[in-house]
């Protein structure tokens, strides 16, 4: 796999162009590989991720440098695999989205501590995927790719289309044939090629893995395949922003949606980096099982109709068995999540959990968040809010602590989920008598 991925790249030129990134490191065996468009370890075929030479010195000086940066993810450039001049390059410049203090939702859920929604619907294409794609674009530039591609459940397709258009790259993205129409239109409007594949996301992903090793894929940067180690680092910026927006404090608890599981694992990585760099205080936290307590807990959230990680967690397994997705939460409908085993490790290490909710609860949670906080979440946000509610009701999430719940996308993309049960309160004639008869006057 690693040999095929490297063969599709024009050149291996990333070293000096990717800032503090030092090498690629295997999560399984620790073997280091030079920076390049590869995603699997040649020694054991384990997944690769970025290893860094971070800046040393005074944490206060680094915090000041970050705070003086732009109001997007490039304020964290010293901690990302991007060149120093990244902010000057054409990019969609996502990030630094709102951390909303959700007091009305907290009252509904019985939360007495502080409850926050990290609302990533404010990104350029209205999902967190803009973060990961922005990093992938810089890697594509470094390695000389001319086409940006991906397999996608919807949001990523739109983010790749927009980022490629902004960067002047060709895009060709692949999606399941039955995605929500809003996501299809948003992915297509940027003018790149959009290809529907007959099958689910896992079928699409397998096809892309074949294409990357074929001469037809020469010069293509697949953001979630041969550029995956770089792409995935974009999710760390969620951890950075949450802590900065909390006054450089760690949240006690986070509820994160699970599709491939990469977002959750990288949020954990980002939190650990902030601790190691001395950028946040680390008081004793809620704790994990055995050894030193974790200063934060991470809870994973899935839809019941695609919950392989939740099932493995509940059954006490370390291996995640693939499932066939059947849920309205299509952005999370990955039946064979690549990072599933790592999610299990993190949930157990931090003292969190992995839970799921069914489709009716997802819809109820979308409406609850909209009614209490004015945030219209897509189905993935309904999953995280629904799981948060379930965990509180079952006594597994402490309502007295500081909790952050992620909303990763805009509800306008998943209207079909709520449309059957949402509509006008009344239809009246255009006169006051009709208005009063409908009981709307008081």
Protein backbone atom coordinates (compact mmCIF):
# COMPACT_ATOMS: atom_id res chain seq x y z
CA UNK A 1 0.00 0.00 0.00
CA UNK A 2 2.72 2.48 0.91
CA UNK A 3 4.63 1.72 -2.28
CA UNK A 4 1.53 2.27 -4.41
CA UNK A 5 0.74 5.53 -2.63
CA UNK A 6 4.24 6.86 -3.17
CA UNK A 7 4.22 5.80 -6.81
CA UNK A 8 1.27 8.06 -7.57
CA UNK A 9 3.15 11.17 -6.41
CA UNK A 10 5.15 13.40 -8.74
CA UNK A 11 7.89 14.02 -6.20
CA UNK A 12 8.90 13.62 -2.55
CA UNK A 13 9.72 17.22 -1.70
CA UNK A 14 7.85 17.86 1.53
CA UNK A 15 10.66 18.21 4.07
CA UNK A 16 11.37 21.94 3.97
CA UNK A 17 7.83 22.90 2.97
CA UNK A 18 5.83 21.52 5.87
CA UNK A 19 6.97 23.62 8.82
CA UNK A 20 7.58 21.77 12.10
CA UNK A 21 6.69 18.37 10.60
CA UNK A 22 9.79 16.19 10.97
CA UNK A 23 8.78 12.74 9.72
CA UNK A 24 5.98 10.23 9.44
CA UNK A 25 5.70 7.87 12.40
CA UNK A 26 3.87 4.54 12.53
CA UNK A 27 1.20 4.35 15.22
CA UNK A 28 1.81 0.64 15.66
CA UNK A 29 5.56 0.03 15.58
CA UNK A 30 6.97 3.56 15.82
CA UNK A 31 9.01 3.21 12.63
CA UNK A 32 9.83 6.60 11.08
CA UNK A 33 9.43 7.37 7.39
CA UNK A 34 10.58 10.53 5.57
CA UNK A 35 7.83 13.03 4.82
CA UNK A 36 6.02 12.12 1.63
CA UNK A 37 2.62 11.15 0.23
CA UNK A 38 2.45 7.78 1.99
CA UNK A 39 -0.05 6.57 4.56
CA UNK A 40 1.01 3.04 5.58
CA UNK A 41 4.16 1.83 7.31
CA UNK A 42 6.38 -0.33 5.09
CA UNK A 43 7.53 -2.30 8.15
CA UNK A 44 4.13 -3.36 9.54
CA UNK A 45 1.46 -1.67 7.35
CA UNK A 46 0.25 0.35 10.33
CA UNK A 47 -1.13 3.87 9.81
CA UNK A 48 1.29 6.78 9.64
CA UNK A 49 0.93 10.13 11.37
CA UNK A 50 2.99 13.30 11.61
CA UNK A 51 5.86 13.56 14.09
CA UNK A 52 7.05 17.08 14.89
CA UNK A 53 9.97 19.16 16.03
CA UNK A 54 7.92 21.74 17.90
CA UNK A 55 9.30 25.14 18.88
CA UNK A 56 10.82 25.24 22.35
CA UNK A 57 10.98 28.14 24.75
CA UNK A 58 8.48 29.97 26.90
CA UNK A 59 4.86 28.71 26.65
CA UNK A 60 3.63 32.24 27.36
CA UNK A 61 5.53 33.52 24.31
CA UNK A 62 4.00 30.79 22.14
CA UNK A 63 0.52 31.60 23.44
CA UNK A 64 1.11 35.27 22.61
CA UNK A 65 2.27 34.33 19.12
CA UNK A 66 -0.84 32.25 18.56
CA UNK A 67 -3.18 34.93 19.89
CA UNK A 68 -1.66 37.54 17.57
CA UNK A 69 -2.24 35.34 14.52
CA UNK A 70 -5.15 35.38 12.05
CA UNK A 71 -8.67 34.43 13.11
CA UNK A 72 -8.48 31.01 11.45
CA UNK A 73 -6.51 27.79 11.81
CA UNK A 74 -3.31 29.41 10.57
CA UNK A 75 -2.86 31.02 14.01
CA UNK A 76 -1.69 27.50 14.95
CA UNK A 77 0.75 27.20 12.03
CA UNK A 78 3.72 26.61 14.42
CA UNK A 79 1.98 23.37 15.46
CA UNK A 80 0.83 22.16 12.02
CA UNK A 81 2.47 20.52 8.96
CA UNK A 82 2.32 23.71 6.88
CA UNK A 83 4.89 26.27 5.67
CA UNK A 84 5.48 29.44 7.66
CA UNK A 85 3.93 31.61 4.94
CA UNK A 86 0.75 29.54 4.74
CA UNK A 87 -1.53 32.45 5.64
CA UNK A 88 -0.42 34.32 2.52
CA UNK A 89 -1.43 31.52 0.14
CA UNK A 90 -4.85 31.11 -1.52
CA UNK A 91 -6.84 28.88 0.81
CA UNK A 92 -10.34 28.81 2.27
CA UNK A 93 -8.90 29.83 5.68
CA UNK A 94 -11.30 27.86 7.90
CA UNK A 95 -11.46 27.68 11.66
CA UNK A 96 -11.76 29.75 14.80
CA UNK A 97 -15.47 28.98 14.80
CA UNK A 98 -17.72 29.86 17.72
CA UNK A 99 -17.66 28.08 21.07
CA UNK A 100 -21.23 28.74 22.18
CA UNK A 101 -22.10 28.78 25.88
CA UNK A 102 -25.28 26.67 25.81
CA UNK A 103 -27.05 27.64 29.03
CA UNK A 104 -30.61 26.99 27.84
CA UNK A 105 -29.67 23.55 26.53
CA UNK A 106 -27.86 22.91 29.80
CA UNK A 107 -31.04 23.60 31.77
CA UNK A 108 -33.02 21.22 29.56
CA UNK A 109 -30.43 18.47 30.08
CA UNK A 110 -29.94 19.08 33.82
CA UNK A 111 -26.36 20.31 33.43
CA UNK A 112 -25.21 22.50 36.30
CA UNK A 113 -21.64 22.94 35.09
CA UNK A 114 -20.82 24.84 31.90
CA UNK A 115 -22.02 23.33 28.61
CA UNK A 116 -20.60 24.53 25.29
CA UNK A 117 -21.31 23.73 21.64
CA UNK A 118 -18.29 23.92 19.35
CA UNK A 119 -20.20 24.98 16.25
CA UNK A 120 -18.19 24.16 13.14
CA UNK A 121 -21.08 24.93 10.82
CA UNK A 122 -19.49 28.39 10.50
CA UNK A 123 -16.67 27.12 8.28
CA UNK A 124 -16.52 28.12 4.57
CA UNK A 125 -18.46 25.08 3.31
CA UNK A 126 -20.31 24.72 6.62
CA UNK A 127 -18.57 21.69 8.09
CA UNK A 128 -15.40 20.81 9.98
CA UNK A 129 -14.04 19.17 6.82
CA UNK A 130 -12.71 22.56 5.69
CA UNK A 131 -10.08 22.26 8.44
CA UNK A 132 -8.65 18.95 7.30
CA UNK A 133 -8.79 19.84 3.61
CA UNK A 134 -6.93 23.12 4.21
CA UNK A 135 -3.99 21.14 5.60
CA UNK A 136 -4.22 18.59 2.78
CA UNK A 137 -4.02 21.39 0.18
CA UNK A 138 -0.69 22.53 1.61
CA UNK A 139 0.64 18.96 1.45
CA UNK A 140 -0.62 18.63 -2.13
CA UNK A 141 1.26 21.80 -3.05
CA UNK A 142 4.41 20.53 -1.33
CA UNK A 143 4.33 17.25 -3.25
CA UNK A 144 3.42 18.78 -6.60
CA UNK A 145 -0.02 17.22 -7.04
CA UNK A 146 -2.27 18.72 -9.71
CA UNK A 147 -5.57 17.00 -8.85
CA UNK A 148 -7.25 16.95 -5.45
CA UNK A 149 -9.53 13.99 -4.78
CA UNK A 150 -11.32 12.09 -2.02
CA UNK A 151 -13.91 9.52 -1.12
CA UNK A 152 -16.67 11.24 0.79
CA UNK A 153 -19.97 10.89 2.63
CA UNK A 154 -20.78 14.44 1.48
CA UNK A 155 -19.18 17.18 3.54
CA UNK A 156 -15.65 16.31 2.46
CA UNK A 157 -16.64 16.41 -1.21
CA UNK A 158 -17.82 20.00 -0.86
CA UNK A 159 -14.76 21.02 1.13
CA UNK A 160 -12.40 19.52 -1.46
CA UNK A 161 -14.28 21.16 -4.33
CA UNK A 162 -14.11 24.59 -2.69
CA UNK A 163 -10.48 24.31 -1.59
CA UNK A 164 -9.33 23.08 -5.00
CA UNK A 165 -11.16 25.94 -6.73
CA UNK A 166 -9.56 28.46 -4.38
CA UNK A 167 -6.09 26.94 -4.82
CA UNK A 168 -6.36 26.63 -8.61
CA UNK A 169 -6.22 22.82 -8.58
CA UNK A 170 -8.38 20.34 -10.45
CA UNK A 171 -10.75 18.32 -8.28
CA UNK A 172 -12.40 14.95 -8.83
CA UNK A 173 -14.32 13.55 -5.88
CA UNK A 174 -16.24 10.31 -5.35
CA UNK A 175 -19.43 9.88 -3.33
CA UNK A 176 -22.09 7.24 -2.68
CA UNK A 177 -24.85 7.62 -5.28
CA UNK A 178 -27.62 8.21 -2.70
CA UNK A 179 -26.32 11.17 -0.67
CA UNK A 180 -28.54 14.01 0.54
CA UNK A 181 -29.28 16.33 -2.39
CA UNK A 182 -28.01 19.39 -0.54
CA UNK A 183 -24.57 17.84 -0.20
CA UNK A 184 -24.54 16.72 -3.83
CA UNK A 185 -25.32 20.23 -5.07
CA UNK A 186 -22.76 21.80 -2.75
CA UNK A 187 -20.05 19.43 -3.95
CA UNK A 188 -20.88 19.98 -7.62
CA UNK A 189 -21.24 23.77 -7.64
CA UNK A 190 -17.49 24.41 -7.45
CA UNK A 191 -17.00 23.11 -10.98
CA UNK A 192 -14.87 20.03 -10.37
CA UNK A 193 -15.79 16.47 -11.31
CA UNK A 194 -18.24 14.77 -8.97
CA UNK A 195 -18.65 11.02 -9.44
CA UNK A 196 -21.38 8.94 -7.82
CA UNK A 197 -20.50 5.34 -7.04
CA UNK A 198 -23.17 2.66 -6.78
CA UNK A 199 -22.75 1.50 -3.19
CA UNK A 200 -22.03 2.90 0.26
CA UNK A 201 -19.05 4.87 1.52
CA UNK A 202 -16.95 1.77 2.13
CA UNK A 203 -17.42 0.78 -1.52
CA UNK A 204 -16.36 4.28 -2.58
CA UNK A 205 -13.29 4.13 -0.37
CA UNK A 206 -12.23 0.77 -1.78
CA UNK A 207 -12.51 2.12 -5.31
CA UNK A 208 -10.29 5.10 -4.44
CA UNK A 209 -7.70 2.77 -2.94
CA UNK A 210 -7.60 0.93 -6.27
CA UNK A 211 -7.40 4.13 -8.30
CA UNK A 212 -4.47 5.47 -6.31
CA UNK A 213 -2.33 2.52 -7.38
CA UNK A 214 -3.33 2.76 -11.03
CA UNK A 215 -1.61 4.92 -13.68
CA UNK A 216 -4.92 6.80 -13.99
CA UNK A 217 -4.27 8.18 -10.50
CA UNK A 218 -0.85 9.63 -11.37
CA UNK A 219 -0.49 13.13 -9.94
CA UNK A 220 -3.61 12.82 -7.77
CA UNK A 221 -3.61 13.82 -4.10
CA UNK A 222 -6.33 11.84 -2.32
CA UNK A 223 -6.82 13.85 0.84
CA UNK A 224 -8.02 10.87 2.91
CA UNK A 225 -5.67 8.27 1.37
CA UNK A 226 -2.12 9.23 0.32
CA UNK A 227 -2.41 12.65 2.01
CA UNK A 228 -4.20 11.26 5.06
CA UNK A 229 -1.41 11.82 7.62
CA UNK A 230 -1.45 15.55 6.81
CA UNK A 231 -5.19 15.88 6.27
CA UNK A 232 -6.00 14.30 9.63
CA UNK A 233 -3.93 16.89 11.50
CA UNK A 234 -6.54 19.53 10.69
CA UNK A 235 -8.82 18.05 13.35
CA UNK A 236 -6.27 18.96 16.04
CA UNK A 237 -7.20 22.59 15.53
CA UNK A 238 -10.57 21.87 17.14
CA UNK A 239 -8.74 20.94 20.35
CA UNK A 240 -6.50 24.01 20.10
CA UNK A 241 -9.43 26.38 19.59
CA UNK A 242 -11.60 24.88 22.33
CA UNK A 243 -8.82 25.26 24.90
CA UNK A 244 -7.90 28.78 23.77
CA UNK A 245 -11.56 29.83 23.82
CA UNK A 246 -11.88 28.44 27.34
CA UNK A 247 -9.01 30.68 28.43
CA UNK A 248 -6.27 28.11 27.73
CA UNK A 249 -8.03 25.54 29.89
CA UNK A 250 -8.84 21.92 29.12
CA UNK A 251 -12.51 20.94 29.03
CA UNK A 252 -13.41 18.22 31.49
CA UNK A 253 -15.52 16.29 28.99
CA UNK A 254 -15.91 16.27 25.19
CA UNK A 255 -18.54 14.53 23.07
CA UNK A 256 -17.24 13.89 19.56
CA UNK A 257 -18.97 12.23 16.57
CA UNK A 258 -17.41 9.10 15.06
CA UNK A 259 -17.31 8.40 11.33
CA UNK A 260 -13.82 7.05 10.53
CA UNK A 261 -12.80 7.97 14.09
CA UNK A 262 -9.96 10.21 12.91
CA UNK A 263 -11.45 13.42 14.29
CA UNK A 264 -11.69 12.01 17.81
CA UNK A 265 -8.16 10.60 17.78
CA UNK A 266 -6.69 13.89 16.54
CA UNK A 267 -8.58 15.94 19.11
CA UNK A 268 -6.96 13.73 21.74
CA UNK A 269 -3.58 14.24 20.06
CA UNK A 270 -4.09 18.01 20.06
CA UNK A 271 -4.98 18.08 23.75
CA UNK A 272 -1.88 16.04 24.61
CA UNK A 273 0.29 18.40 22.56
CA UNK A 274 -1.08 21.43 24.40
CA UNK A 275 -0.26 19.75 27.70
CA UNK A 276 3.25 18.77 26.58
CA UNK A 277 3.98 22.30 25.36
CA UNK A 278 2.76 23.83 28.62
CA UNK A 279 0.06 25.84 26.85
CA UNK A 280 -2.71 24.66 29.20
CA UNK A 281 -2.85 23.97 32.90
CA UNK A 282 -3.31 20.33 33.83
CA UNK A 283 -5.12 20.04 37.15
CA UNK A 284 -6.25 16.55 38.20
CA UNK A 285 -9.27 15.78 36.07
CA UNK A 286 -12.15 13.33 36.08
CA UNK A 287 -9.72 10.48 35.51
CA UNK A 288 -9.38 7.31 33.53
CA UNK A 289 -9.03 3.68 34.58
CA UNK A 290 -5.74 2.79 36.25
CA UNK A 291 -2.53 4.81 36.57
CA UNK A 292 -2.48 8.60 36.55
CA UNK A 293 -5.87 10.17 35.91
CA UNK A 294 -6.60 11.75 32.57
CA UNK A 295 -7.32 15.48 32.89
CA UNK A 296 -10.22 15.10 30.43
CA UNK A 297 -12.72 12.50 29.27
CA UNK A 298 -13.61 11.89 25.62
CA UNK A 299 -16.94 10.35 24.66
CA UNK A 300 -17.54 9.05 21.14
CA UNK A 301 -20.97 9.34 19.54
CA UNK A 302 -22.45 7.17 16.79
CA UNK A 303 -25.82 6.59 15.15
CA UNK A 304 -27.36 3.27 16.15
CA UNK A 305 -27.72 2.36 12.47
CA UNK A 306 -23.94 2.58 12.02
CA UNK A 307 -22.38 1.90 15.40
CA UNK A 308 -19.50 -0.57 15.02
CA UNK A 309 -17.28 1.27 17.51
CA UNK A 310 -20.05 1.63 20.07
CA UNK A 311 -20.82 -2.08 19.80
CA UNK A 312 -17.17 -3.00 20.29
CA UNK A 313 -16.92 -0.70 23.30
CA UNK A 314 -20.02 -2.14 24.95
CA UNK A 315 -18.90 -5.72 24.25
CA UNK A 316 -15.42 -5.06 25.68
CA UNK A 317 -13.72 -5.81 22.36
CA UNK A 318 -10.54 -4.27 20.95
CA UNK A 319 -11.44 -5.14 17.36
CA UNK A 320 -14.17 -3.26 15.50
CA UNK A 321 -16.32 -5.49 13.28
CA UNK A 322 -17.60 -3.80 10.10
CA UNK A 323 -21.34 -3.20 9.68
CA UNK A 324 -23.60 -2.14 6.81
CA UNK A 325 -24.79 1.43 7.54
CA UNK A 326 -28.52 2.15 7.80
CA UNK A 327 -29.10 5.60 9.31
CA UNK A 328 -30.16 9.14 8.47
CA UNK A 329 -26.76 10.31 9.76
CA UNK A 330 -25.07 9.70 6.43
CA UNK A 331 -22.01 11.83 7.23
CA UNK A 332 -21.20 9.27 9.94
CA UNK A 333 -22.17 6.21 7.88
CA UNK A 334 -18.78 4.51 7.68
CA UNK A 335 -19.28 0.85 8.45
CA UNK A 336 -15.58 0.01 8.64
CA UNK A 337 -13.97 2.92 10.50
CA UNK A 338 -10.19 2.99 10.06
CA UNK A 339 -9.51 4.58 13.44
CA UNK A 340 -12.06 2.57 15.37
CA UNK A 341 -9.55 0.64 17.53
CA UNK A 342 -7.77 3.89 18.45
CA UNK A 343 -11.09 5.45 19.47
CA UNK A 344 -11.67 2.54 21.82
CA UNK A 345 -8.24 3.04 23.37
CA UNK A 346 -8.85 6.76 23.93
CA UNK A 347 -12.34 6.34 25.39
CA UNK A 348 -11.02 3.76 27.85
CA UNK A 349 -7.79 5.62 28.66
CA UNK A 350 -9.56 8.89 29.43
CA UNK A 351 -12.48 7.34 31.31
CA UNK A 352 -15.00 8.25 28.61
CA UNK A 353 -17.25 5.94 26.61
CA UNK A 354 -18.68 5.29 23.15
CA UNK A 355 -22.46 5.43 22.84
CA UNK A 356 -25.10 5.55 20.11
CA UNK A 357 -28.64 6.85 19.55
CA UNK A 358 -31.33 5.82 17.08
CA UNK A 359 -32.66 7.96 14.24
CA UNK A 360 -35.74 9.33 16.09
CA UNK A 361 -33.49 10.53 18.92
CA UNK A 362 -31.18 12.14 16.39
CA UNK A 363 -34.08 14.16 14.97
CA UNK A 364 -35.29 15.10 18.45
CA UNK A 365 -31.79 16.27 19.38
CA UNK A 366 -31.48 18.41 16.24
CA UNK A 367 -34.74 20.13 17.18
CA UNK A 368 -33.72 20.46 20.83
CA UNK A 369 -30.48 22.23 19.94
CA UNK A 370 -32.27 24.50 17.47
CA UNK A 371 -35.03 25.36 19.95
CA UNK A 372 -32.74 26.08 22.88
CA UNK A 373 -29.65 27.64 21.26
CA UNK A 374 -30.63 28.69 17.74
CA UNK A 375 -28.14 26.27 16.19
CA UNK A 376 -29.45 24.15 13.33
CA UNK A 377 -27.16 21.12 13.30
CA UNK A 378 -26.86 18.49 10.63
CA UNK A 379 -27.52 14.89 11.60
CA UNK A 380 -24.02 14.40 13.07
CA UNK A 381 -24.77 17.23 15.52
CA UNK A 382 -28.02 15.49 16.38
CA UNK A 383 -25.96 12.41 17.18
CA UNK A 384 -23.61 14.24 19.57
CA UNK A 385 -26.41 16.12 21.34
CA UNK A 386 -28.53 12.97 21.49
CA UNK A 387 -25.66 10.94 22.94
CA UNK A 388 -24.91 13.72 25.46
CA UNK A 389 -28.53 13.61 26.64
CA UNK A 390 -28.44 9.82 26.88
CA UNK A 391 -25.17 9.78 28.82
CA UNK A 392 -26.50 12.33 31.31
CA UNK A 393 -29.74 10.40 31.79
CA UNK A 394 -27.76 7.22 32.44
CA UNK A 395 -25.38 8.94 34.89
CA UNK A 396 -22.28 8.39 32.76
CA UNK A 397 -21.50 12.02 31.95
CA UNK A 398 -20.99 14.32 34.93
CA UNK A 399 -23.40 17.28 34.66
CA UNK A 400 -21.34 19.39 37.09
CA UNK A 401 -18.24 19.61 34.87
CA UNK A 402 -17.23 21.70 31.86
CA UNK A 403 -18.50 19.85 28.81
CA UNK A 404 -17.98 20.58 25.11
CA UNK A 405 -20.23 18.99 22.48
CA UNK A 406 -19.22 19.14 18.81
CA UNK A 407 -21.54 20.16 16.02
CA UNK A 408 -19.62 19.46 12.85
CA UNK A 409 -22.01 20.70 10.15
CA UNK A 410 -24.99 22.79 9.05
CA UNK A 411 -28.54 21.46 9.17
CA UNK A 412 -29.32 23.03 5.81
CA UNK A 413 -27.37 20.14 4.28
CA UNK A 414 -29.59 17.47 5.84
CA UNK A 415 -33.08 18.95 5.56
CA UNK A 416 -34.59 15.57 4.68
CA UNK A 417 -33.94 14.36 8.22
CA UNK A 418 -36.27 16.90 9.83
CA UNK A 419 -38.58 17.88 6.97
CA UNK A 420 -41.24 15.17 7.62
CA UNK A 421 -41.86 16.46 11.16
CA UNK A 422 -41.15 20.16 10.73
CA UNK A 423 -43.30 22.78 9.02
CA UNK A 424 -45.72 25.67 9.49
CA UNK A 425 -47.49 25.95 12.84
CA UNK A 426 -50.66 26.92 10.98
CA UNK A 427 -51.89 28.02 7.57
CA UNK A 428 -54.34 30.94 7.82
CA UNK A 429 -56.24 33.36 5.63
CA UNK A 430 -54.73 36.87 5.41
CA UNK A 431 -56.97 38.47 8.06
CA UNK A 432 -57.03 38.95 11.84
CA UNK A 433 -60.05 36.73 12.42
CA UNK A 434 -58.25 33.77 10.89
CA UNK A 435 -55.16 34.61 12.95
CA UNK A 436 -57.23 34.60 16.18
CA UNK A 437 -59.09 31.42 15.23
CA UNK A 438 -55.73 29.64 14.91
CA UNK A 439 -54.97 30.52 18.54
CA UNK A 440 -51.89 32.55 17.69
CA UNK A 441 -52.85 35.84 19.30
CA UNK A 442 -51.62 35.11 22.83
